[in-house]
Amino acid sequence: MIVRIAETEIDPDQIEAYGALLSEEIEASVRLEPGVIFLYALSVKGSRDKVLVIEGYADQAAYEAHLTSPHFLNYKTRTADMVRSLRLIETDPISLKAKNQISN
């Protein structure tokens, strides 16, 4: 399994629009892509312009398929001018457990 964290800084004037596009992309990815295990988007408390997305993919092929999916490419295009910085943090999962599906 591949787990990574996308750490982004968003233009503060575009937070609402960015959040809507991110939510739309996450919903489509989880619904349409069998290799997308989870996507969790969070903002840093007190800094809504700092957004973290915790991503889990079945394997490298699933991650690569996600990057070329129409809904992901649409999200990247539509949010390009909203994102001030992006850092991808690679991880080595130690223990991943969940009780049930969490949605918002």
N, C-alpha and C. Protein backbone atom coordinates (compact mmCIF):
# COMPACT_ATOMS: atom_id res chain seq x y z
N MET A 1 0.83 -1.19 0.00
CA MET A 1 0.00 0.00 0.00
C MET A 1 0.87 1.24 0.00
N ILE A 2 0.42 2.25 -0.68
CA ILE A 2 1.12 3.53 -0.74
C ILE A 2 0.30 4.55 0.06
N VAL A 3 0.95 5.22 1.00
CA VAL A 3 0.32 6.30 1.75
C VAL A 3 1.23 7.51 1.65
N ARG A 4 0.64 8.61 1.29
CA ARG A 4 1.41 9.86 1.21
C ARG A 4 0.57 10.98 1.77
N ILE A 5 1.23 12.07 2.07
CA ILE A 5 0.55 13.27 2.56
C ILE A 5 0.88 14.41 1.60
N ALA A 6 -0.16 15.04 1.09
CA ALA A 6 0.01 16.23 0.26
C ALA A 6 -0.22 17.44 1.18
N GLU A 7 0.80 18.26 1.29
CA GLU A 7 0.75 19.44 2.15
C GLU A 7 0.68 20.66 1.23
N THR A 8 -0.44 21.38 1.27
CA THR A 8 -0.63 22.50 0.36
C THR A 8 -0.89 23.79 1.13
N GLU A 9 -0.53 24.88 0.49
CA GLU A 9 -0.91 26.20 0.97
C GLU A 9 -1.76 26.83 -0.12
N ILE A 10 -2.95 27.27 0.26
CA ILE A 10 -3.94 27.78 -0.68
C ILE A 10 -4.06 29.29 -0.55
N ASP A 11 -4.31 29.96 -1.66
CA ASP A 11 -4.58 31.40 -1.65
C ASP A 11 -5.77 31.63 -0.72
N PRO A 12 -5.59 32.42 0.35
CA PRO A 12 -6.66 32.61 1.33
C PRO A 12 -7.97 33.13 0.73
N ASP A 13 -7.89 33.90 -0.35
CA ASP A 13 -9.09 34.43 -0.99
C ASP A 13 -9.86 33.36 -1.77
N GLN A 14 -9.26 32.18 -1.93
CA GLN A 14 -9.91 31.14 -2.75
C GLN A 14 -10.17 29.85 -1.96
N ILE A 15 -10.14 29.93 -0.65
CA ILE A 15 -10.30 28.75 0.19
C ILE A 15 -11.63 28.04 -0.08
N GLU A 16 -12.71 28.77 -0.13
CA GLU A 16 -14.04 28.15 -0.31
C GLU A 16 -14.12 27.42 -1.65
N ALA A 17 -13.68 28.08 -2.71
CA ALA A 17 -13.73 27.46 -4.04
C ALA A 17 -12.81 26.24 -4.10
N TYR A 18 -11.64 26.36 -3.49
CA TYR A 18 -10.71 25.24 -3.47
C TYR A 18 -11.32 24.04 -2.73
N GLY A 19 -11.89 24.30 -1.57
CA GLY A 19 -12.50 23.23 -0.78
C GLY A 19 -13.59 22.50 -1.54
N ALA A 20 -14.39 23.24 -2.28
CA ALA A 20 -15.47 22.62 -3.07
C ALA A 20 -14.89 21.72 -4.16
N LEU A 21 -13.86 22.20 -4.85
CA LEU A 21 -13.24 21.40 -5.91
C LEU A 21 -12.52 20.18 -5.34
N LEU A 22 -11.86 20.35 -4.21
CA LEU A 22 -11.18 19.23 -3.57
C LEU A 22 -12.18 18.17 -3.13
N SER A 23 -13.28 18.58 -2.53
CA SER A 23 -14.31 17.64 -2.10
C SER A 23 -14.90 16.88 -3.28
N GLU A 24 -15.13 17.58 -4.37
CA GLU A 24 -15.65 16.95 -5.59
C GLU A 24 -14.67 15.91 -6.13
N GLU A 25 -13.39 16.24 -6.14
CA GLU A 25 -12.37 15.33 -6.64
C GLU A 25 -12.24 14.10 -5.74
N ILE A 26 -12.25 14.30 -4.44
CA ILE A 26 -12.13 13.19 -3.50
C ILE A 26 -13.32 12.24 -3.65
N GLU A 27 -14.51 12.78 -3.74
CA GLU A 27 -15.70 11.95 -3.88
C GLU A 27 -15.61 11.09 -5.14
N ALA A 28 -15.23 11.69 -6.27
CA ALA A 28 -15.12 10.95 -7.53
C ALA A 28 -14.02 9.89 -7.45
N SER A 29 -12.89 10.24 -6.86
CA SER A 29 -11.77 9.30 -6.79
C SER A 29 -12.13 8.06 -5.98
N VAL A 30 -12.74 8.26 -4.82
CA VAL A 30 -13.10 7.12 -3.97
C VAL A 30 -14.20 6.29 -4.62
N ARG A 31 -15.14 6.94 -5.25
CA ARG A 31 -16.27 6.24 -5.88
C ARG A 31 -15.86 5.49 -7.14
N LEU A 32 -15.01 6.09 -7.96
CA LEU A 32 -14.72 5.54 -9.30
C LEU A 32 -13.45 4.70 -9.40
N GLU A 33 -12.51 4.90 -8.49
CA GLU A 33 -11.21 4.22 -8.61
C GLU A 33 -11.06 3.13 -7.55
N PRO A 34 -11.08 1.86 -7.96
CA PRO A 34 -10.95 0.79 -6.98
C PRO A 34 -9.64 0.82 -6.21
N GLY A 35 -8.58 1.36 -6.78
CA GLY A 35 -7.28 1.40 -6.13
C GLY A 35 -7.09 2.54 -5.15
N VAL A 36 -8.06 3.46 -5.10
CA VAL A 36 -8.00 4.55 -4.11
C VAL A 36 -8.67 4.01 -2.84
N ILE A 37 -7.89 3.76 -1.82
CA ILE A 37 -8.38 3.19 -0.58
C ILE A 37 -8.99 4.27 0.32
N PHE A 38 -8.30 5.40 0.44
CA PHE A 38 -8.86 6.51 1.22
C PHE A 38 -8.21 7.82 0.79
N LEU A 39 -8.95 8.89 0.98
CA LEU A 39 -8.48 10.26 0.80
C LEU A 39 -9.14 11.09 1.90
N TYR A 40 -8.32 11.68 2.76
CA TYR A 40 -8.82 12.52 3.84
C TYR A 40 -8.23 13.92 3.68
N ALA A 41 -9.10 14.92 3.60
CA ALA A 41 -8.65 16.31 3.49
C ALA A 41 -8.91 17.02 4.82
N LEU A 42 -7.89 17.75 5.28
CA LEU A 42 -7.97 18.46 6.56
C LEU A 42 -7.31 19.81 6.41
N SER A 43 -7.81 20.79 7.15
CA SER A 43 -7.07 22.06 7.22
C SER A 43 -6.43 22.13 8.60
N VAL A 44 -5.32 22.82 8.67
CA VAL A 44 -4.61 22.99 9.93
C VAL A 44 -5.41 23.96 10.79
N LYS A 45 -5.72 23.55 12.00
CA LYS A 45 -6.51 24.38 12.91
C LYS A 45 -5.87 25.77 13.04
N GLY A 46 -6.68 26.79 12.79
CA GLY A 46 -6.20 28.16 12.88
C GLY A 46 -5.54 28.67 11.62
N SER A 47 -5.36 27.79 10.62
CA SER A 47 -4.72 28.17 9.34
C SER A 47 -5.45 27.48 8.21
N ARG A 48 -6.65 27.95 7.90
CA ARG A 48 -7.47 27.30 6.87
C ARG A 48 -6.79 27.22 5.51
N ASP A 49 -5.78 28.07 5.29
CA ASP A 49 -5.09 28.06 3.99
C ASP A 49 -4.07 26.93 3.89
N LYS A 50 -3.82 26.23 4.98
CA LYS A 50 -2.90 25.09 4.98
C LYS A 50 -3.74 23.81 4.99
N VAL A 51 -3.69 23.09 3.87
CA VAL A 51 -4.53 21.91 3.68
C VAL A 51 -3.65 20.68 3.54
N LEU A 52 -4.02 19.63 4.27
CA LEU A 52 -3.34 18.35 4.18
C LEU A 52 -4.31 17.34 3.58
N VAL A 53 -3.82 16.52 2.66
CA VAL A 53 -4.61 15.42 2.14
C VAL A 53 -3.81 14.15 2.42
N ILE A 54 -4.41 13.26 3.19
CA ILE A 54 -3.78 11.97 3.48
C ILE A 54 -4.36 10.98 2.48
N GLU A 55 -3.49 10.37 1.69
CA GLU A 55 -3.90 9.56 0.55
C GLU A 55 -3.45 8.11 0.72
N GLY A 56 -4.32 7.18 0.45
CA GLY A 56 -3.97 5.77 0.50
C GLY A 56 -4.36 5.07 -0.79
N TYR A 57 -3.40 4.40 -1.40
CA TYR A 57 -3.61 3.70 -2.68
C TYR A 57 -3.21 2.23 -2.51
N ALA A 58 -3.88 1.36 -3.23
CA ALA A 58 -3.60 -0.07 -3.13
C ALA A 58 -2.15 -0.38 -3.49
N ASP A 59 -1.62 0.30 -4.51
CA ASP A 59 -0.25 0.05 -4.97
C ASP A 59 0.17 1.18 -5.91
N GLN A 60 1.37 1.08 -6.45
CA GLN A 60 1.91 2.12 -7.33
C GLN A 60 1.07 2.29 -8.59
N ALA A 61 0.58 1.18 -9.14
CA ALA A 61 -0.25 1.25 -10.35
C ALA A 61 -1.53 2.04 -10.07
N ALA A 62 -2.13 1.83 -8.90
CA ALA A 62 -3.35 2.57 -8.54
C ALA A 62 -3.06 4.05 -8.41
N TYR A 63 -1.92 4.39 -7.83
CA TYR A 63 -1.54 5.80 -7.69
C TYR A 63 -1.33 6.43 -9.07
N GLU A 64 -0.63 5.73 -9.95
CA GLU A 64 -0.40 6.26 -11.29
C GLU A 64 -1.69 6.40 -12.07
N ALA A 65 -2.62 5.45 -11.91
CA ALA A 65 -3.93 5.55 -12.57
C ALA A 65 -4.68 6.77 -12.06
N HIS A 66 -4.59 7.03 -10.77
CA HIS A 66 -5.25 8.19 -10.17
C HIS A 66 -4.75 9.49 -10.81
N LEU A 67 -3.45 9.58 -11.01
CA LEU A 67 -2.86 10.80 -11.57
C LEU A 67 -3.32 11.09 -12.98
N THR A 68 -3.80 10.10 -13.70
CA THR A 68 -4.24 10.30 -15.08
C THR A 68 -5.77 10.24 -15.22
N SER A 69 -6.47 10.12 -14.10
CA SER A 69 -7.95 10.06 -14.16
C SER A 69 -8.51 11.42 -14.57
N PRO A 70 -9.62 11.43 -15.32
CA PRO A 70 -10.21 12.70 -15.75
C PRO A 70 -10.58 13.63 -14.59
N HIS A 71 -11.12 13.08 -13.50
CA HIS A 71 -11.53 13.95 -12.39
C HIS A 71 -10.32 14.56 -11.68
N PHE A 72 -9.21 13.82 -11.58
CA PHE A 72 -8.01 14.39 -10.96
C PHE A 72 -7.41 15.48 -11.86
N LEU A 73 -7.33 15.21 -13.15
CA LEU A 73 -6.78 16.21 -14.08
C LEU A 73 -7.64 17.47 -14.10
N ASN A 74 -8.96 17.31 -14.01
CA ASN A 74 -9.86 18.46 -13.94
C ASN A 74 -9.58 19.27 -12.67
N TYR A 75 -9.44 18.59 -11.54
CA TYR A 75 -9.12 19.25 -10.27
C TYR A 75 -7.80 20.01 -10.37
N LYS A 76 -6.75 19.37 -10.91
CA LYS A 76 -5.44 20.03 -11.02
C LYS A 76 -5.52 21.28 -11.89
N THR A 77 -6.24 21.20 -12.98
CA THR A 77 -6.38 22.34 -13.89
C THR A 77 -7.14 23.49 -13.22
N ARG A 78 -8.25 23.15 -12.58
CA ARG A 78 -9.11 24.18 -12.01
C ARG A 78 -8.56 24.80 -10.73
N THR A 79 -7.63 24.12 -10.05
CA THR A 79 -7.08 24.67 -8.81
C THR A 79 -5.66 25.22 -8.97
N ALA A 80 -5.11 25.14 -10.17
CA ALA A 80 -3.70 25.52 -10.39
C ALA A 80 -3.39 26.92 -9.88
N ASP A 81 -4.28 27.89 -10.09
CA ASP A 81 -4.00 29.26 -9.64
C ASP A 81 -4.35 29.48 -8.17
N MET A 82 -4.93 28.48 -7.52
CA MET A 82 -5.29 28.59 -6.10
C MET A 82 -4.18 28.10 -5.18
N VAL A 83 -3.36 27.19 -5.67
CA VAL A 83 -2.34 26.53 -4.85
C VAL A 83 -1.06 27.37 -4.87
N ARG A 84 -0.65 27.82 -3.69
CA ARG A 84 0.59 28.60 -3.58
C ARG A 84 1.81 27.70 -3.44
N SER A 85 1.64 26.56 -2.77
CA SER A 85 2.74 25.61 -2.64
C SER A 85 2.16 24.21 -2.43
N LEU A 86 2.96 23.21 -2.84
CA LEU A 86 2.58 21.82 -2.69
C LEU A 86 3.83 21.02 -2.36
N ARG A 87 3.72 20.22 -1.31
CA ARG A 87 4.81 19.32 -0.93
C ARG A 87 4.21 17.95 -0.73
N LEU A 88 4.77 16.95 -1.41
CA LEU A 88 4.32 15.57 -1.24
C LEU A 88 5.26 14.86 -0.28
N ILE A 89 4.69 14.30 0.77
CA ILE A 89 5.47 13.61 1.78
C ILE A 89 5.24 12.11 1.62
N GLU A 90 6.31 11.41 1.29
CA GLU A 90 6.24 9.96 1.15
C GLU A 90 6.30 9.34 2.55
N THR A 91 5.57 8.26 2.77
CA THR A 91 5.58 7.62 4.08
C THR A 91 5.81 6.12 3.95
N ASP A 92 6.14 5.52 5.05
CA ASP A 92 6.20 4.06 5.20
C ASP A 92 5.16 3.71 6.24
N PRO A 93 4.01 3.16 5.83
CA PRO A 93 2.97 2.83 6.81
C PRO A 93 3.48 1.85 7.87
N ILE A 94 3.10 2.11 9.09
CA ILE A 94 3.44 1.23 10.21
C ILE A 94 2.21 0.41 10.59
N SER A 95 1.11 1.08 10.82
CA SER A 95 -0.13 0.39 11.19
C SER A 95 -1.30 1.23 10.72
N LEU A 96 -2.15 0.66 9.88
CA LEU A 96 -3.32 1.36 9.35
C LEU A 96 -4.57 0.58 9.71
N LYS A 97 -5.44 1.16 10.50
CA LYS A 97 -6.69 0.52 10.91
C LYS A 97 -7.80 1.56 10.85
N ALA A 98 -9.01 1.11 10.55
CA ALA A 98 -10.18 1.98 10.57
C ALA A 98 -11.39 1.17 11.01
N LYS A 99 -12.29 1.81 11.74
CA LYS A 99 -13.50 1.14 12.19
C LYS A 99 -14.54 1.08 11.10
N ASN A 100 -14.81 2.20 10.46
CA ASN A 100 -15.83 2.27 9.42
C ASN A 100 -15.57 3.48 8.53
N GLN A 101 -16.42 3.62 7.52
CA GLN A 101 -16.28 4.72 6.57
C GLN A 101 -16.64 6.03 7.24
N ILE A 102 -15.77 7.02 7.12
CA ILE A 102 -16.03 8.36 7.64
C ILE A 102 -16.32 9.26 6.45
N SER A 103 -17.38 10.00 6.52
CA SER A 103 -17.65 10.95 5.43
C SER A 103 -18.12 12.25 6.03
N ASN A 104 -18.12 13.26 5.20
CA ASN A 104 -18.50 14.59 5.66
C ASN A 104 -19.61 15.12 4.84
